[in-house]
Amino acid sequence: MVTLEEFKKYMGHIQAQMAKDDVLTDVLIGEENNGWISTAAELIDDVIELIGLHIKGESTEDWISWWLWEVDHDKPEEERNNHVWIKDETDGQSYKYTIEDLDDLYHLIVDEHDAIKKRVQEEMPEVGIQPTVEHPNFTNETLYDVFMRSCGYTESDN
């Protein structure tokens, strides 16, 4: 079992590598362009997998990935998406947990929910499945059709 101190150390190394990769990306690609360059992408994935194997099990890697790549750490506190809802098996109530730091993330992963600092009794909001991309002119065209239309090419008789 990975202790809290070990977890924070490993996550600190991952975050330091990601910060270096962000600088490299800004230099090589530029801040305005999309993309990300990593000199250790496989290594980061491997460390996350190892942490998952030595902490608990199946959802550990998902929680760590969520924390690293999906939580908007740069936004103001009231706009961050660092909340999870969990139904407590003992009292049947649903609670909203705010995962503010690596301590909270560790306690979430190892099911020590009482140790998470911010907990409020609240039902999980009902969220329907939203399309990831909305396109107002969606048609049943093939990718070839879209390519031909967007590039202005026409097929030759040859």
Protein backbone atom coordinates (compact mmCIF):
# COMPACT_ATOMS: atom_id res chain seq x y z
CA MET A 1 0.00 0.00 0.00
CA VAL A 2 1.27 3.43 -0.94
CA THR A 3 1.22 5.85 1.99
CA LEU A 4 -0.05 9.42 1.73
CA GLU A 5 3.51 10.76 1.84
CA GLU A 6 4.66 8.41 -0.94
CA PHE A 7 1.59 9.28 -3.02
CA LYS A 8 2.28 13.01 -2.71
CA LYS A 9 5.94 12.45 -3.65
CA TYR A 10 5.05 10.44 -6.78
CA MET A 11 2.34 12.88 -7.82
CA GLY A 12 4.78 15.76 -7.26
CA HIS A 13 7.22 14.14 -9.69
CA ILE A 14 4.47 13.67 -12.28
CA GLN A 15 3.32 17.28 -11.92
CA ALA A 16 6.92 18.55 -12.16
CA GLN A 17 7.40 16.59 -15.40
CA MET A 18 4.13 17.95 -16.77
CA ALA A 19 5.23 21.51 -15.92
CA LYS A 20 8.49 20.94 -17.85
CA ASP A 21 6.48 19.55 -20.77
CA ASP A 22 4.25 22.65 -20.71
CA VAL A 23 7.32 24.90 -21.03
CA LEU A 24 8.67 22.76 -23.88
CA THR A 25 5.29 22.88 -25.61
CA ASP A 26 5.12 26.67 -25.32
CA VAL A 27 8.61 26.99 -26.84
CA LEU A 28 8.13 24.52 -29.71
CA ILE A 29 4.45 24.91 -30.54
CA GLY A 30 3.50 28.26 -29.03
CA GLU A 31 0.86 29.17 -26.49
CA GLU A 32 -1.83 29.96 -29.06
CA ASN A 33 -1.74 26.59 -30.84
CA ASN A 34 -3.29 23.34 -29.74
CA GLY A 35 -1.10 20.42 -28.88
CA TRP A 36 1.17 19.16 -26.19
CA ILE A 37 4.67 17.77 -26.31
CA SER A 38 5.84 15.39 -23.62
CA THR A 39 9.29 13.93 -23.22
CA ALA A 40 7.95 11.28 -20.83
CA ALA A 41 4.33 10.49 -21.73
CA GLU A 42 4.76 6.72 -21.38
CA LEU A 43 6.67 7.15 -18.14
CA ILE A 44 3.86 9.26 -16.66
CA ASP A 45 1.32 6.62 -17.68
CA ASP A 46 3.50 3.87 -16.17
CA VAL A 47 3.88 5.70 -12.84
CA ILE A 48 0.12 6.25 -12.69
CA GLU A 49 -0.44 2.56 -13.41
CA LEU A 50 2.04 1.54 -10.70
CA ILE A 51 0.40 3.82 -8.16
CA GLY A 52 -2.94 2.26 -9.09
CA LEU A 53 -1.63 -1.24 -8.61
CA HIS A 54 -0.21 -0.44 -5.19
CA ILE A 55 -3.02 1.62 -3.74
CA LYS A 56 -6.37 0.05 -4.32
CA GLY A 57 -7.60 -1.08 -7.61
CA GLU A 58 -9.65 -0.35 -10.64
CA SER A 59 -10.66 3.33 -10.32
CA THR A 60 -7.38 4.65 -8.89
CA GLU A 61 -5.89 5.41 -12.30
CA ASP A 62 -9.12 7.10 -13.41
CA TRP A 63 -9.12 9.40 -10.37
CA ILE A 64 -5.46 10.32 -10.84
CA SER A 65 -5.98 11.01 -14.55
CA TRP A 66 -9.07 13.09 -13.74
CA TRP A 67 -7.01 15.15 -11.26
CA LEU A 68 -4.09 15.66 -13.64
CA TRP A 69 -5.89 16.36 -16.91
CA GLU A 70 -9.53 17.23 -16.30
CA VAL A 71 -9.67 19.41 -13.19
CA ASP A 72 -9.31 23.11 -14.04
CA HIS A 73 -6.68 23.94 -11.39
CA ASP A 74 -6.06 27.40 -12.90
CA LYS A 75 -9.65 28.59 -12.51
CA PRO A 76 -10.94 30.43 -9.44
CA GLU A 77 -12.14 28.09 -6.68
CA GLU A 78 -15.84 28.64 -7.35
CA GLU A 79 -15.42 27.70 -11.05
CA ARG A 80 -13.31 24.54 -10.64
CA ASN A 81 -14.69 21.16 -11.60
CA ASN A 82 -13.10 19.36 -8.65
CA HIS A 83 -16.28 17.94 -7.12
CA VAL A 84 -17.41 14.35 -6.82
CA TRP A 85 -20.67 12.95 -5.48
CA ILE A 86 -20.69 9.75 -3.50
CA LYS A 87 -23.55 7.96 -1.82
CA ASP A 88 -22.63 6.94 1.72
CA GLU A 89 -23.47 3.28 2.29
CA THR A 90 -23.95 3.72 6.05
CA ASP A 91 -26.56 6.49 6.06
CA GLY A 92 -27.81 6.31 2.45
CA GLN A 93 -27.18 10.03 1.92
CA SER A 94 -25.42 11.51 -1.09
CA TYR A 95 -22.48 13.85 -0.43
CA LYS A 96 -20.61 16.33 -2.58
CA TYR A 97 -16.87 16.24 -1.92
CA THR A 98 -14.52 19.00 -3.05
CA ILE A 99 -11.12 17.58 -3.89
CA GLU A 100 -8.80 20.51 -3.23
CA ASP A 101 -5.36 18.95 -3.00
CA LEU A 102 -3.39 15.72 -3.15
CA ASP A 103 -4.38 14.84 0.42
CA ASP A 104 -8.05 14.91 -0.58
CA LEU A 105 -7.35 12.95 -3.77
CA TYR A 106 -5.56 10.24 -1.78
CA HIS A 107 -8.42 10.01 0.73
CA LEU A 108 -10.90 9.76 -2.15
CA ILE A 109 -8.92 6.93 -3.75
CA VAL A 110 -8.51 4.89 -0.56
CA ASP A 111 -12.15 5.41 0.49
CA GLU A 112 -11.34 7.53 3.53
CA HIS A 113 -14.08 9.99 2.65
CA ASP A 114 -14.40 11.35 6.19
CA ALA A 115 -10.84 12.72 5.86
CA ILE A 116 -11.76 14.93 2.89
CA LYS A 117 -11.94 18.49 4.16
CA LYS A 118 -14.97 19.78 2.23
CA ARG A 119 -18.06 17.58 2.35
CA VAL A 120 -21.64 18.75 1.94
CA GLN A 121 -24.79 16.66 1.92
CA GLU A 122 -26.10 17.14 -1.60
CA GLU A 123 -27.70 14.96 -4.25
CA MET A 124 -25.75 14.44 -7.43
CA PRO A 125 -27.09 16.69 -10.17
CA GLU A 126 -28.86 14.84 -12.94
CA VAL A 127 -26.80 15.18 -16.04
CA GLY A 128 -27.88 13.73 -19.34
CA ILE A 129 -25.43 12.50 -21.90
CA GLN A 130 -24.27 15.51 -23.85
CA PRO A 131 -22.75 15.28 -27.30
CA THR A 132 -19.07 16.12 -27.24
CA VAL A 133 -19.36 18.12 -30.46
CA GLU A 134 -22.39 19.93 -31.76
CA HIS A 135 -22.37 20.70 -35.44
CA PRO A 136 -25.33 22.65 -36.82
CA ASN A 137 -24.86 21.31 -40.34
CA PHE A 138 -24.44 17.63 -39.47
CA THR A 139 -25.17 15.39 -42.40
CA ASN A 140 -24.62 11.74 -43.19
CA GLU A 141 -21.66 12.50 -45.43
CA THR A 142 -18.67 10.21 -45.40
CA LEU A 143 -15.27 11.55 -44.36
CA TYR A 144 -14.30 11.42 -48.04
CA ASP A 145 -17.29 13.64 -48.92
CA VAL A 146 -16.37 16.15 -46.22
CA PHE A 147 -12.75 16.19 -47.37
CA MET A 148 -13.69 16.71 -51.01
CA ARG A 149 -16.12 19.51 -50.14
CA SER A 150 -13.83 21.29 -47.70
CA CYS A 151 -10.72 21.20 -49.89
CA GLY A 152 -12.43 22.30 -53.09
CA TYR A 153 -11.10 19.33 -55.05
CA THR A 154 -13.09 17.77 -57.81
CA GLU A 155 -12.72 14.28 -59.16
CA SER A 156 -11.07 13.98 -62.52
CA ASP A 157 -12.36 11.87 -65.38
CA ASN A 158 -8.91 10.24 -65.68
